[in-house]
N, C-alpha and C. Protein backbone atom coordinates (compact mmCIF):
# COMPACT_ATOMS: atom_id res chain seq x y z
N LYS A 1 13.50 41.02 -38.47
CA LYS A 1 12.75 41.79 -37.92
C LYS A 1 11.76 41.23 -36.54
N VAL A 2 12.02 41.78 -35.51
CA VAL A 2 11.09 41.41 -34.44
C VAL A 2 9.84 41.86 -34.53
N VAL A 3 8.61 41.03 -34.51
CA VAL A 3 7.50 41.87 -34.01
C VAL A 3 7.18 41.63 -32.82
N HIS A 4 6.72 43.08 -32.07
CA HIS A 4 6.60 43.18 -30.60
C HIS A 4 5.04 43.03 -30.46
N LYS A 5 4.46 42.20 -29.55
CA LYS A 5 3.66 41.88 -29.11
C LYS A 5 3.04 42.78 -27.89
N PRO A 6 1.72 43.00 -27.47
CA PRO A 6 1.51 43.19 -26.40
C PRO A 6 2.41 42.80 -25.15
N ARG A 7 2.58 43.25 -24.08
CA ARG A 7 3.28 43.44 -23.17
C ARG A 7 2.93 41.79 -22.44
N HIS A 8 1.18 41.86 -22.16
CA HIS A 8 0.82 40.56 -21.49
C HIS A 8 0.93 39.35 -22.58
N ALA A 9 1.05 39.11 -23.46
CA ALA A 9 1.19 38.42 -24.54
C ALA A 9 2.54 37.50 -24.82
N PHE A 10 3.52 38.10 -24.08
CA PHE A 10 4.69 37.64 -24.38
C PHE A 10 4.82 35.83 -24.02
N ASN A 11 5.80 35.45 -24.78
CA ASN A 11 5.96 34.12 -24.68
C ASN A 11 7.48 33.88 -23.90
N LEU A 12 7.49 33.15 -22.86
CA LEU A 12 8.31 33.23 -22.05
C LEU A 12 9.70 32.73 -22.80
N THR A 13 9.98 31.52 -23.69
CA THR A 13 11.20 31.26 -24.42
C THR A 13 11.44 32.65 -25.50
N PHE A 14 10.28 33.16 -26.03
CA PHE A 14 10.80 34.75 -26.60
C PHE A 14 11.56 35.91 -25.74
N SER A 15 11.02 35.74 -24.70
CA SER A 15 11.63 36.65 -23.54
C SER A 15 12.93 36.38 -23.24
N PHE A 16 13.44 34.96 -23.15
CA PHE A 16 14.47 34.27 -23.23
C PHE A 16 15.63 34.80 -24.04
N PHE A 17 15.16 34.51 -25.37
CA PHE A 17 16.21 34.79 -26.31
C PHE A 17 16.19 36.16 -26.58
N LEU A 18 15.50 37.20 -26.08
CA LEU A 18 15.76 38.58 -26.17
C LEU A 18 16.64 39.27 -25.16
N GLN A 19 16.72 38.43 -24.13
CA GLN A 19 18.12 38.47 -23.42
C GLN A 19 19.10 38.18 -23.80
N GLY A 20 19.14 37.09 -24.81
CA GLY A 20 20.52 36.20 -24.97
C GLY A 20 20.52 34.85 -23.80
N LEU A 21 19.61 34.49 -23.33
CA LEU A 21 19.64 33.49 -22.43
C LEU A 21 18.63 31.92 -22.95
N ARG A 22 19.54 30.88 -22.70
CA ARG A 22 18.59 29.65 -23.52
C ARG A 22 17.60 29.27 -22.13
N PRO A 23 16.41 28.82 -22.76
CA PRO A 23 15.63 28.32 -21.56
C PRO A 23 16.10 27.12 -21.11
N VAL A 24 15.68 27.05 -19.30
CA VAL A 24 15.97 25.94 -18.74
C VAL A 24 15.62 24.61 -19.09
N VAL A 25 13.95 24.88 -19.34
CA VAL A 25 13.52 23.84 -19.83
C VAL A 25 13.65 23.26 -21.26
N SER A 26 13.61 21.99 -21.76
CA SER A 26 13.96 21.77 -23.30
C SER A 26 12.41 21.91 -24.02
N THR A 27 12.74 22.72 -24.91
CA THR A 27 11.79 23.07 -26.00
C THR A 27 11.32 21.67 -26.86
N GLU A 28 11.99 20.85 -26.92
CA GLU A 28 11.59 19.30 -27.43
C GLU A 28 10.95 18.42 -26.64
N ALA A 29 10.18 17.69 -27.34
CA ALA A 29 9.68 16.54 -26.85
C ALA A 29 10.51 15.46 -26.27
N PRO A 30 10.46 14.66 -25.35
CA PRO A 30 11.65 13.75 -25.16
C PRO A 30 11.14 12.34 -25.86
N PRO A 31 12.38 11.57 -26.01
CA PRO A 31 12.15 10.66 -27.18
C PRO A 31 10.89 9.72 -26.32
N ILE A 32 10.50 8.72 -26.84
CA ILE A 32 9.61 7.81 -26.56
C ILE A 32 10.12 6.43 -26.06
N ILE A 33 10.02 6.37 -24.84
CA ILE A 33 10.93 5.24 -24.44
C ILE A 33 10.27 3.82 -24.84
N PHE A 34 8.82 3.71 -24.53
CA PHE A 34 8.06 2.34 -25.17
C PHE A 34 7.34 2.45 -26.10
N ALA A 35 7.84 2.44 -27.34
CA ALA A 35 7.03 2.89 -28.43
C ALA A 35 5.76 2.01 -29.01
N THR A 36 6.16 0.53 -28.50
CA THR A 36 5.38 -0.46 -28.75
C THR A 36 5.53 -1.45 -27.66
N PRO A 37 4.46 -2.13 -27.46
CA PRO A 37 4.34 -3.23 -26.28
C PRO A 37 5.68 -4.57 -27.03
N THR A 38 6.21 -4.92 -25.56
CA THR A 38 7.21 -5.89 -25.70
C THR A 38 6.45 -7.45 -26.13
N LYS A 39 5.24 -7.58 -25.44
CA LYS A 39 4.29 -8.70 -25.43
C LYS A 39 2.93 -8.05 -26.14
N LEU A 40 2.58 -8.95 -27.30
CA LEU A 40 1.25 -8.88 -27.74
C LEU A 40 0.29 -9.64 -26.22
N SER A 41 -0.75 -9.05 -26.28
CA SER A 41 -1.77 -9.97 -25.44
C SER A 41 -2.38 -11.34 -25.75
N SER A 42 -1.78 -11.38 -27.32
CA SER A 42 -1.87 -12.80 -27.91
C SER A 42 -1.32 -14.07 -27.43
N ASP A 43 0.05 -13.13 -26.67
CA ASP A 43 1.10 -14.16 -26.59
C ASP A 43 0.94 -14.66 -25.18
N PHE A 44 0.24 -14.33 -24.30
CA PHE A 44 0.19 -14.68 -22.48
C PHE A 44 -0.55 -15.95 -22.69
N ALA A 45 -0.44 -16.95 -22.09
CA ALA A 45 -1.00 -18.33 -21.75
C ALA A 45 -2.34 -18.30 -21.12
N VAL A 46 -3.17 -18.76 -21.03
CA VAL A 46 -4.37 -18.95 -20.06
C VAL A 46 -4.34 -20.00 -19.18
N TYR A 47 -4.51 -19.40 -17.78
CA TYR A 47 -3.96 -20.19 -16.90
C TYR A 47 -5.30 -20.98 -16.28
N ASP A 48 -5.15 -22.00 -16.21
CA ASP A 48 -6.59 -22.57 -15.89
C ASP A 48 -6.31 -23.21 -14.25
N TYR A 49 -7.19 -22.33 -13.02
CA TYR A 49 -6.79 -22.53 -11.65
C TYR A 49 -7.34 -23.80 -11.30
N ALA A 50 -6.51 -24.13 -9.99
CA ALA A 50 -6.80 -25.86 -9.77
C ALA A 50 -7.96 -25.68 -8.92
N GLY A 51 -8.56 -24.46 -8.74
CA GLY A 51 -9.70 -25.13 -7.72
C GLY A 51 -10.72 -23.81 -8.13
N LYS A 52 -11.86 -24.06 -7.83
CA LYS A 52 -12.77 -23.05 -7.72
C LYS A 52 -13.20 -22.16 -6.86
N ASN A 53 -13.57 -21.23 -7.19
CA ASN A 53 -13.95 -19.55 -6.51
C ASN A 53 -14.80 -19.82 -5.13
N LYS A 54 -14.08 -19.98 -3.98
CA LYS A 54 -14.66 -20.18 -2.75
C LYS A 54 -15.47 -19.00 -2.15
N VAL A 55 -15.01 -17.97 -2.61
CA VAL A 55 -15.48 -16.47 -1.91
C VAL A 55 -17.11 -16.67 -1.77
N PRO A 56 -17.90 -16.95 -2.25
CA PRO A 56 -19.31 -16.92 -2.38
C PRO A 56 -19.77 -17.85 -1.17
N GLU A 57 -19.23 -19.09 -0.98
CA GLU A 57 -19.74 -19.99 -0.15
C GLU A 57 -18.99 -19.54 1.23
N LEU A 58 -17.77 -18.84 1.12
CA LEU A 58 -17.25 -18.32 2.88
C LEU A 58 -17.97 -17.05 2.96
N GLN A 59 -18.67 -16.40 2.16
CA GLN A 59 -19.32 -15.34 2.65
C GLN A 59 -20.81 -15.75 3.56
N LYS A 60 -21.17 -16.48 2.69
CA LYS A 60 -22.54 -17.16 3.26
C LYS A 60 -22.05 -17.51 4.53
N PHE A 61 -20.77 -18.38 4.80
CA PHE A 61 -21.02 -19.02 6.00
C PHE A 61 -20.61 -18.10 7.23
N PHE A 62 -19.45 -17.14 6.99
CA PHE A 62 -19.38 -16.06 7.77
C PHE A 62 -20.49 -15.28 8.22
N GLN A 63 -21.41 -14.62 6.97
CA GLN A 63 -22.14 -14.17 7.33
C GLN A 63 -23.33 -14.68 8.09
N LYS A 64 -23.48 -16.05 8.06
CA LYS A 64 -24.96 -16.46 9.01
C LYS A 64 -24.95 -16.26 10.31
N SER A 65 -25.92 -15.80 11.02
CA SER A 65 -26.02 -15.34 12.21
C SER A 65 -26.36 -16.38 13.04
N ASP A 66 -25.65 -16.87 13.87
CA ASP A 66 -25.87 -18.13 14.51
C ASP A 66 -25.43 -17.86 16.07
N GLY A 67 -24.77 -16.59 16.49
CA GLY A 67 -24.78 -16.01 17.55
C GLY A 67 -23.08 -16.27 17.99
N VAL A 68 -22.33 -17.07 16.92
CA VAL A 68 -20.95 -17.42 17.02
C VAL A 68 -20.14 -16.27 16.83
N PRO A 69 -19.31 -15.20 17.52
CA PRO A 69 -18.25 -14.29 17.24
C PRO A 69 -17.68 -14.67 15.44
N ILE A 70 -17.32 -13.97 14.89
CA ILE A 70 -16.48 -13.99 13.60
C ILE A 70 -15.32 -14.67 13.75
N HIS A 71 -14.29 -14.43 14.81
CA HIS A 71 -13.43 -14.80 14.76
C HIS A 71 -13.06 -16.46 15.42
N LEU A 72 -14.34 -17.06 15.86
CA LEU A 72 -14.43 -18.45 16.12
C LEU A 72 -15.38 -18.94 15.23
N LYS A 73 -15.51 -18.89 14.01
CA LYS A 73 -16.97 -19.56 13.37
C LYS A 73 -16.04 -20.66 12.92
N ARG A 74 -14.96 -20.78 12.93
CA ARG A 74 -14.20 -22.26 12.17
C ARG A 74 -14.10 -23.33 12.87
N GLY A 75 -14.51 -23.07 13.97
CA GLY A 75 -14.22 -24.26 15.10
C GLY A 75 -13.12 -24.27 16.22
N LEU A 76 -12.68 -25.34 16.29
CA LEU A 76 -11.18 -25.52 17.12
C LEU A 76 -10.06 -24.85 16.78
N PRO A 77 -9.99 -24.68 15.36
CA PRO A 77 -8.31 -24.29 15.22
C PRO A 77 -8.66 -22.50 15.57
N ASP A 78 -9.72 -22.16 15.42
CA ASP A 78 -9.91 -20.93 15.74
C ASP A 78 -9.99 -20.52 17.62
N GLN A 79 -10.79 -21.31 18.07
CA GLN A 79 -10.50 -21.04 19.62
C GLN A 79 -9.19 -21.45 19.78
N MET A 80 -8.43 -22.19 19.49
CA MET A 80 -7.22 -22.68 20.05
C MET A 80 -6.57 -21.52 19.77
N LEU A 81 -5.99 -20.79 18.80
CA LEU A 81 -5.43 -19.33 18.30
C LEU A 81 -5.95 -18.47 19.26
N TYR A 82 -7.68 -18.53 19.52
CA TYR A 82 -7.60 -17.25 20.37
C TYR A 82 -7.00 -17.66 21.47
N ARG A 83 -7.56 -18.55 22.43
CA ARG A 83 -6.83 -18.97 23.45
C ARG A 83 -5.38 -19.04 23.80
N THR A 84 -4.70 -19.34 22.81
CA THR A 84 -3.24 -18.89 22.74
C THR A 84 -2.92 -17.66 22.96
N THR A 85 -3.48 -16.73 22.12
CA THR A 85 -3.31 -15.21 22.03
C THR A 85 -3.81 -14.66 23.34
N MET A 86 -4.84 -14.86 23.48
CA MET A 86 -5.17 -14.51 24.98
C MET A 86 -4.17 -14.72 26.52
N ALA A 87 -3.63 -16.09 26.19
CA ALA A 87 -2.91 -16.60 27.24
C ALA A 87 -1.54 -15.76 27.20
N LEU A 88 -0.85 -15.36 25.91
CA LEU A 88 0.19 -14.90 25.86
C LEU A 88 -0.15 -13.54 26.26
N THR A 89 -1.39 -12.83 25.95
CA THR A 89 -0.98 -11.51 26.06
C THR A 89 -1.43 -11.02 27.54
N LEU A 90 -1.83 -11.92 28.36
CA LEU A 90 -2.46 -11.67 30.16
C LEU A 90 -0.79 -12.20 30.71
N GLY A 91 -0.28 -13.39 30.14
CA GLY A 91 1.23 -13.43 30.57
C GLY A 91 2.29 -12.39 30.46
N GLY A 92 1.89 -11.85 28.93
CA GLY A 92 3.18 -10.56 28.68
C GLY A 92 2.54 -9.16 29.78
N THR A 93 1.48 -9.27 29.98
CA THR A 93 1.01 -8.18 30.85
C THR A 93 1.45 -8.27 32.37
N ILE A 94 1.34 -9.14 32.89
CA ILE A 94 1.47 -9.64 33.81
C ILE A 94 3.05 -9.77 34.17
N TYR A 95 3.73 -10.26 32.95
CA TYR A 95 5.57 -10.44 33.15
C TYR A 95 6.04 -8.39 33.29
N CYS A 96 5.07 -7.64 32.45
CA CYS A 96 5.76 -6.22 32.41
C CYS A 96 5.37 -5.73 33.80
N LEU A 97 4.04 -5.96 34.49
CA LEU A 97 3.77 -5.39 35.55
C LEU A 97 4.84 -5.53 36.44
N ILE A 98 5.25 -6.94 36.46
CA ILE A 98 6.37 -7.54 37.55
C ILE A 98 7.63 -6.65 37.64
N ALA A 99 7.96 -6.63 36.14
CA ALA A 99 9.16 -6.05 36.00
C ALA A 99 8.97 -4.79 36.29
N LEU A 100 7.97 -3.96 36.15
CA LEU A 100 7.86 -2.22 36.54
C LEU A 100 7.95 -2.21 38.01
N TYR A 101 7.25 -3.48 38.53
CA TYR A 101 7.39 -3.38 40.30
C TYR A 101 9.00 -3.29 40.60
N MET A 102 9.50 -4.61 40.19
CA MET A 102 10.56 -4.53 40.36
C MET A 102 11.85 -3.61 40.23
N ALA A 103 11.44 -2.58 39.23
CA ALA A 103 12.27 -1.44 38.84
C ALA A 103 12.05 -0.44 39.52
N SER A 104 10.98 -0.39 40.01
CA SER A 104 10.80 0.78 41.24
C SER A 104 11.30 0.71 42.53
N GLN A 105 11.66 -0.67 42.97
CA GLN A 105 12.04 -0.95 44.33
C GLN A 105 13.71 -0.46 44.02
N PRO A 106 14.30 0.15 45.27
CA PRO A 106 15.69 0.26 45.64
C PRO A 106 16.33 -0.94 45.22
N ARG A 107 17.56 -0.78 45.54
CA ARG A 107 18.62 -1.80 45.16
C ARG A 107 18.75 -1.94 46.83
N ASN A 108 19.23 -2.95 47.14
CA ASN A 108 19.92 -3.47 48.43
C ASN A 108 21.50 -3.65 48.15
N LYS A 109 22.28 -2.75 49.04
CA LYS A 109 23.57 -3.31 48.61
C LYS A 109 24.27 -4.02 49.55
């Protein structure tokens, strides 16, 4: 015996079975893949780090207002890196401008 409910209360799977169709989506729950953890948290080793946390000291160093830009605070290595970057940027710009100038000139036959 089929119990008819009001039209707005029809279940989607119920309407499939009335028409003789199977539902597209499985009505069963999928199997559990990871039912238990593979390692217990007590199995993990505790690592002793070689150094101490330097972040607070570095924050104080870099936030100190001494008029030096942040990218030059560490002295000579930062200055060399900055100057090398600027020289390569300037050289690349000049090279590109020369290449554009040469490409814009007509060729001699």
